[in-house]
Amino acid sequence: MLRAQGLTKQYGSHVALDRLDLDIRAGDIYCLLGANGAGKTTTINLFLHFIAPSAGTVEINGVDVTRHPLATKQDVAYIPSTSRSTARSRAWRTCASSPASRWAARCRANGCSSS
């Protein structure tokens, strides 16, 4: 489970993410879509504790990411994309690499291919 409550990230006077509330339950699949600068990468970086939030909380499986970053890293994987990858091949690599095999099955069922 992933949860954010009032999640905010500021860089000086620039607000990169403003009070995000998010609750993703086990088995749910979400996609972050938005224009450049919308806060997609910032959100992922906050969940992975690559950066610290300016305000709010982030939890993975009920564990606070800011207080227990090493413990939460046991439950997540991050596979960055490359500029040459297509969205479909990125989705396949993410699904196929997931420890939850049902994600790979869902990816195949939705038309993702390994090529």
N, C-alpha and C. Protein backbone atom coordinates (compact mmCIF):
# COMPACT_ATOMS: atom_id res chain seq x y z
N MET A 1 0.83 -1.17 0.00
CA MET A 1 0.00 0.00 0.00
C MET A 1 0.88 1.25 0.00
N LEU A 2 0.51 2.22 -0.80
CA LEU A 2 1.20 3.51 -0.84
C LEU A 2 0.22 4.58 -0.38
N ARG A 3 0.68 5.44 0.51
CA ARG A 3 -0.19 6.50 1.00
C ARG A 3 0.61 7.80 1.14
N ALA A 4 -0.01 8.87 0.68
CA ALA A 4 0.53 10.22 0.87
C ALA A 4 -0.58 11.07 1.48
N GLN A 5 -0.21 11.88 2.45
CA GLN A 5 -1.17 12.79 3.06
C GLN A 5 -0.55 14.17 3.15
N GLY A 6 -1.16 15.11 2.43
CA GLY A 6 -0.66 16.48 2.45
C GLY A 6 0.76 16.62 1.94
N LEU A 7 1.16 15.71 1.06
CA LEU A 7 2.55 15.66 0.59
C LEU A 7 2.90 16.89 -0.24
N THR A 8 3.92 17.59 0.20
CA THR A 8 4.34 18.84 -0.44
C THR A 8 5.85 18.85 -0.59
N LYS A 9 6.32 19.37 -1.72
CA LYS A 9 7.75 19.57 -1.93
C LYS A 9 7.96 20.94 -2.54
N GLN A 10 8.79 21.73 -1.87
CA GLN A 10 9.14 23.06 -2.35
C GLN A 10 10.65 23.14 -2.56
N TYR A 11 11.03 23.86 -3.60
CA TYR A 11 12.42 24.20 -3.86
C TYR A 11 12.48 25.71 -3.80
N GLY A 12 12.88 26.26 -2.67
CA GLY A 12 12.82 27.70 -2.49
C GLY A 12 11.38 28.15 -2.54
N SER A 13 11.07 29.10 -3.41
CA SER A 13 9.69 29.58 -3.53
C SER A 13 8.86 28.77 -4.54
N HIS A 14 9.51 27.85 -5.26
CA HIS A 14 8.81 27.03 -6.25
C HIS A 14 8.18 25.81 -5.58
N VAL A 15 6.87 25.66 -5.75
CA VAL A 15 6.16 24.50 -5.21
C VAL A 15 6.09 23.43 -6.30
N ALA A 16 6.82 22.35 -6.12
CA ALA A 16 6.85 21.27 -7.11
C ALA A 16 5.70 20.30 -6.93
N LEU A 17 5.24 20.14 -5.68
CA LEU A 17 4.12 19.26 -5.37
C LEU A 17 3.36 19.91 -4.22
N ASP A 18 2.04 20.04 -4.39
CA ASP A 18 1.25 20.82 -3.44
C ASP A 18 0.15 19.99 -2.78
N ARG A 19 0.39 19.52 -1.57
CA ARG A 19 -0.60 18.84 -0.72
C ARG A 19 -1.26 17.63 -1.40
N LEU A 20 -0.46 16.73 -1.91
CA LEU A 20 -0.98 15.51 -2.55
C LEU A 20 -1.53 14.56 -1.50
N ASP A 21 -2.76 14.11 -1.71
CA ASP A 21 -3.36 13.03 -0.93
C ASP A 21 -3.57 11.87 -1.88
N LEU A 22 -3.04 10.71 -1.52
CA LEU A 22 -3.08 9.55 -2.40
C LEU A 22 -3.15 8.29 -1.55
N ASP A 23 -3.99 7.35 -1.94
CA ASP A 23 -4.11 6.08 -1.21
C ASP A 23 -4.23 4.97 -2.25
N ILE A 24 -3.14 4.23 -2.44
CA ILE A 24 -3.11 3.14 -3.40
C ILE A 24 -3.06 1.83 -2.62
N ARG A 25 -4.08 1.02 -2.80
CA ARG A 25 -4.18 -0.25 -2.07
C ARG A 25 -3.43 -1.36 -2.81
N ALA A 26 -3.14 -2.42 -2.09
CA ALA A 26 -2.48 -3.58 -2.68
C ALA A 26 -3.29 -4.08 -3.87
N GLY A 27 -2.62 -4.35 -4.97
CA GLY A 27 -3.28 -4.85 -6.18
C GLY A 27 -3.72 -3.77 -7.14
N ASP A 28 -3.79 -2.51 -6.68
CA ASP A 28 -4.15 -1.40 -7.56
C ASP A 28 -2.98 -1.04 -8.46
N ILE A 29 -3.29 -0.60 -9.66
CA ILE A 29 -2.26 -0.12 -10.58
C ILE A 29 -2.60 1.32 -10.94
N TYR A 30 -1.66 2.21 -10.74
CA TYR A 30 -1.85 3.62 -11.03
C TYR A 30 -0.81 4.09 -12.03
N CYS A 31 -1.17 5.12 -12.76
CA CYS A 31 -0.26 5.74 -13.71
C CYS A 31 -0.25 7.24 -13.43
N LEU A 32 0.92 7.81 -13.35
CA LEU A 32 1.04 9.25 -13.16
C LEU A 32 1.20 9.91 -14.53
N LEU A 33 0.22 10.70 -14.91
CA LEU A 33 0.26 11.41 -16.18
C LEU A 33 0.20 12.91 -15.91
N GLY A 34 0.91 13.67 -16.70
CA GLY A 34 0.84 15.12 -16.55
C GLY A 34 1.91 15.79 -17.38
N ALA A 35 1.76 17.08 -17.51
CA ALA A 35 2.71 17.89 -18.27
C ALA A 35 4.05 17.95 -17.55
N ASN A 36 5.08 18.38 -18.27
CA ASN A 36 6.37 18.62 -17.63
C ASN A 36 6.17 19.59 -16.47
N GLY A 37 6.78 19.25 -15.34
CA GLY A 37 6.68 20.11 -14.18
C GLY A 37 5.45 19.88 -13.32
N ALA A 38 4.65 18.85 -13.64
CA ALA A 38 3.42 18.60 -12.89
C ALA A 38 3.67 17.93 -11.54
N GLY A 39 4.87 17.36 -11.33
CA GLY A 39 5.19 16.75 -10.05
C GLY A 39 5.26 15.23 -10.07
N LYS A 40 5.24 14.62 -11.26
CA LYS A 40 5.27 13.16 -11.36
C LYS A 40 6.57 12.58 -10.80
N THR A 41 7.68 13.05 -11.28
CA THR A 41 8.98 12.55 -10.81
C THR A 41 9.21 12.91 -9.36
N THR A 42 8.79 14.09 -8.96
CA THR A 42 8.92 14.50 -7.57
C THR A 42 8.16 13.53 -6.67
N THR A 43 6.95 13.14 -7.06
CA THR A 43 6.16 12.21 -6.27
C THR A 43 6.88 10.88 -6.12
N ILE A 44 7.39 10.34 -7.21
CA ILE A 44 8.12 9.07 -7.15
C ILE A 44 9.35 9.21 -6.27
N ASN A 45 10.11 10.29 -6.45
CA ASN A 45 11.31 10.50 -5.64
C ASN A 45 10.99 10.62 -4.15
N LEU A 46 9.85 11.18 -3.81
CA LEU A 46 9.44 11.27 -2.41
C LEU A 46 9.08 9.89 -1.86
N PHE A 47 8.37 9.08 -2.63
CA PHE A 47 8.03 7.73 -2.17
C PHE A 47 9.28 6.87 -2.00
N LEU A 48 10.28 7.09 -2.82
CA LEU A 48 11.52 6.32 -2.73
C LEU A 48 12.51 6.92 -1.73
N HIS A 49 12.17 8.05 -1.16
CA HIS A 49 13.01 8.81 -0.22
C HIS A 49 14.33 9.23 -0.85
N PHE A 50 14.29 9.49 -2.15
CA PHE A 50 15.46 10.09 -2.81
C PHE A 50 15.54 11.56 -2.42
N ILE A 51 14.40 12.17 -2.10
CA ILE A 51 14.33 13.54 -1.59
C ILE A 51 13.37 13.54 -0.40
N ALA A 52 13.51 14.52 0.46
CA ALA A 52 12.66 14.63 1.65
C ALA A 52 11.49 15.58 1.37
N PRO A 53 10.33 15.30 1.92
CA PRO A 53 9.19 16.20 1.72
C PRO A 53 9.37 17.50 2.52
N SER A 54 8.77 18.56 2.01
CA SER A 54 8.72 19.82 2.75
C SER A 54 7.63 19.76 3.80
N ALA A 55 6.57 19.01 3.51
CA ALA A 55 5.45 18.82 4.44
C ALA A 55 4.72 17.55 4.06
N GLY A 56 3.93 17.03 4.99
CA GLY A 56 3.12 15.87 4.74
C GLY A 56 3.83 14.57 5.07
N THR A 57 3.12 13.48 4.85
CA THR A 57 3.66 12.16 5.15
C THR A 57 3.57 11.24 3.94
N VAL A 58 4.48 10.28 3.91
CA VAL A 58 4.53 9.27 2.86
C VAL A 58 4.69 7.93 3.56
N GLU A 59 3.86 6.95 3.20
CA GLU A 59 3.95 5.62 3.80
C GLU A 59 3.94 4.54 2.73
N ILE A 60 4.70 3.49 2.99
CA ILE A 60 4.67 2.29 2.18
C ILE A 60 4.34 1.15 3.14
N ASN A 61 3.24 0.48 2.87
CA ASN A 61 2.77 -0.61 3.73
C ASN A 61 2.66 -0.18 5.20
N GLY A 62 2.20 1.03 5.41
CA GLY A 62 1.98 1.54 6.76
C GLY A 62 3.22 2.04 7.47
N VAL A 63 4.37 2.01 6.80
CA VAL A 63 5.63 2.46 7.40
C VAL A 63 5.99 3.83 6.84
N ASP A 64 6.29 4.77 7.70
CA ASP A 64 6.65 6.13 7.30
C ASP A 64 8.00 6.13 6.59
N VAL A 65 8.00 6.58 5.34
CA VAL A 65 9.20 6.58 4.50
C VAL A 65 10.27 7.51 5.06
N THR A 66 9.87 8.65 5.61
CA THR A 66 10.84 9.61 6.13
C THR A 66 11.51 9.09 7.39
N ARG A 67 10.77 8.44 8.25
CA ARG A 67 11.32 7.95 9.51
C ARG A 67 12.07 6.62 9.36
N HIS A 68 11.65 5.79 8.42
CA HIS A 68 12.23 4.45 8.25
C HIS A 68 12.53 4.17 6.79
N PRO A 69 13.41 4.96 6.17
CA PRO A 69 13.63 4.81 4.72
C PRO A 69 14.20 3.45 4.31
N LEU A 70 15.08 2.87 5.10
CA LEU A 70 15.64 1.57 4.72
C LEU A 70 14.60 0.47 4.81
N ALA A 71 13.75 0.51 5.81
CA ALA A 71 12.71 -0.51 5.95
C ALA A 71 11.74 -0.47 4.77
N THR A 72 11.40 0.72 4.31
CA THR A 72 10.43 0.82 3.21
C THR A 72 11.04 0.42 1.87
N LYS A 73 12.33 0.52 1.73
CA LYS A 73 12.98 0.16 0.46
C LYS A 73 12.89 -1.35 0.18
N GLN A 74 12.59 -2.15 1.19
CA GLN A 74 12.43 -3.59 0.99
C GLN A 74 11.19 -3.92 0.18
N ASP A 75 10.25 -2.99 0.13
CA ASP A 75 8.95 -3.27 -0.49
C ASP A 75 8.73 -2.58 -1.83
N VAL A 76 9.72 -1.88 -2.36
CA VAL A 76 9.55 -1.17 -3.62
C VAL A 76 10.72 -1.45 -4.55
N ALA A 77 10.46 -1.25 -5.84
CA ALA A 77 11.51 -1.35 -6.85
C ALA A 77 11.36 -0.16 -7.78
N TYR A 78 12.47 0.35 -8.25
CA TYR A 78 12.46 1.49 -9.17
C TYR A 78 13.28 1.12 -10.38
N ILE A 79 12.65 1.18 -11.54
CA ILE A 79 13.33 0.88 -12.80
C ILE A 79 13.22 2.12 -13.67
N PRO A 80 14.28 2.92 -13.74
CA PRO A 80 14.20 4.14 -14.54
C PRO A 80 14.14 3.82 -16.03
N SER A 81 13.48 4.68 -16.77
CA SER A 81 13.40 4.49 -18.21
C SER A 81 14.58 5.16 -18.88
N THR A 82 14.84 4.76 -20.11
CA THR A 82 15.87 5.42 -20.90
C THR A 82 15.18 6.21 -22.00
N SER A 83 15.89 7.15 -22.57
CA SER A 83 15.28 8.00 -23.59
C SER A 83 14.90 7.23 -24.85
N ARG A 84 15.50 6.08 -25.09
CA ARG A 84 15.20 5.30 -26.29
C ARG A 84 14.01 4.37 -26.11
N SER A 85 13.53 4.23 -24.89
CA SER A 85 12.44 3.29 -24.63
C SER A 85 11.10 3.87 -25.04
N THR A 86 10.24 3.02 -25.50
CA THR A 86 8.86 3.43 -25.75
C THR A 86 8.06 3.22 -24.48
N ALA A 87 6.93 3.86 -24.38
CA ALA A 87 6.08 3.70 -23.19
C ALA A 87 5.69 2.24 -23.01
N ARG A 88 5.40 1.57 -24.11
CA ARG A 88 4.97 0.17 -24.02
C ARG A 88 6.10 -0.72 -23.51
N SER A 89 7.32 -0.52 -23.98
CA SER A 89 8.41 -1.37 -23.52
C SER A 89 8.78 -1.03 -22.08
N ARG A 90 8.65 0.23 -21.66
CA ARG A 90 8.88 0.59 -20.25
C ARG A 90 7.85 -0.11 -19.38
N ALA A 91 6.60 -0.11 -19.82
CA ALA A 91 5.55 -0.76 -19.04
C ALA A 91 5.84 -2.25 -18.91
N TRP A 92 6.29 -2.87 -20.00
CA TRP A 92 6.60 -4.30 -19.95
C TRP A 92 7.72 -4.58 -18.96
N ARG A 93 8.80 -3.81 -19.04
CA ARG A 93 9.92 -4.06 -18.13
C ARG A 93 9.50 -3.89 -16.68
N THR A 94 8.67 -2.88 -16.40
CA THR A 94 8.21 -2.66 -15.04
C THR A 94 7.35 -3.83 -14.59
N CYS A 95 6.41 -4.26 -15.42
CA CYS A 95 5.55 -5.38 -15.05
C CYS A 95 6.34 -6.67 -14.92
N ALA A 96 7.18 -6.96 -15.90
CA ALA A 96 7.91 -8.22 -15.90
C ALA A 96 8.90 -8.30 -14.76
N SER A 97 9.41 -7.16 -14.31
CA SER A 97 10.40 -7.15 -13.24
C SER A 97 9.77 -7.13 -11.85
N SER A 98 8.48 -6.95 -11.79
CA SER A 98 7.79 -6.86 -10.51
C SER A 98 7.81 -8.19 -9.79
N PRO A 99 8.04 -8.16 -8.47
CA PRO A 99 7.99 -9.41 -7.72
C PRO A 99 6.58 -10.00 -7.71
N ALA A 100 5.58 -9.19 -7.95
CA ALA A 100 4.19 -9.69 -7.98
C ALA A 100 3.88 -10.18 -9.39
N SER A 101 3.85 -11.48 -9.59
CA SER A 101 3.67 -12.03 -10.93
C SER A 101 2.34 -11.64 -11.54
N ARG A 102 1.33 -11.33 -10.73
CA ARG A 102 0.04 -10.95 -11.30
C ARG A 102 0.16 -9.65 -12.08
N TRP A 103 1.12 -8.78 -11.73
CA TRP A 103 1.31 -7.55 -12.50
C TRP A 103 1.77 -7.88 -13.90
N ALA A 104 2.67 -8.85 -14.02
CA ALA A 104 3.15 -9.26 -15.34
C ALA A 104 1.99 -9.83 -16.16
N ALA A 105 1.15 -10.61 -15.51
CA ALA A 105 0.00 -11.18 -16.21
C ALA A 105 -0.94 -10.07 -16.67
N ARG A 106 -1.19 -9.08 -15.83
CA ARG A 106 -2.05 -7.95 -16.22
C ARG A 106 -1.44 -7.19 -17.37
N CYS A 107 -0.12 -7.03 -17.33
CA CYS A 107 0.56 -6.30 -18.40
C CYS A 107 0.38 -7.04 -19.73
N ARG A 108 0.57 -8.33 -19.72
CA ARG A 108 0.39 -9.12 -20.96
C ARG A 108 -1.06 -9.04 -21.43
N ALA A 109 -1.99 -9.10 -20.50
CA ALA A 109 -3.41 -9.04 -20.86
C ALA A 109 -3.81 -7.70 -21.46
N ASN A 110 -3.04 -6.65 -21.13
CA ASN A 110 -3.34 -5.32 -21.65
C ASN A 110 -2.54 -4.97 -22.89
N GLY A 111 -1.88 -5.98 -23.48
CA GLY A 111 -1.24 -5.76 -24.77
C GLY A 111 0.20 -5.31 -24.72
N CYS A 112 0.83 -5.36 -23.56
CA CYS A 112 2.25 -5.01 -23.49
C CYS A 112 3.05 -6.14 -24.12
N SER A 113 4.16 -5.80 -24.75
CA SER A 113 5.02 -6.83 -25.30
C SER A 113 6.42 -6.60 -24.81
N SER A 114 7.24 -7.61 -24.86
CA SER A 114 8.61 -7.49 -24.38
C SER A 114 9.54 -6.87 -25.40
N SER A 115 9.05 -6.57 -26.59
CA SER A 115 9.92 -5.99 -27.64
C SER A 115 9.87 -4.49 -27.62
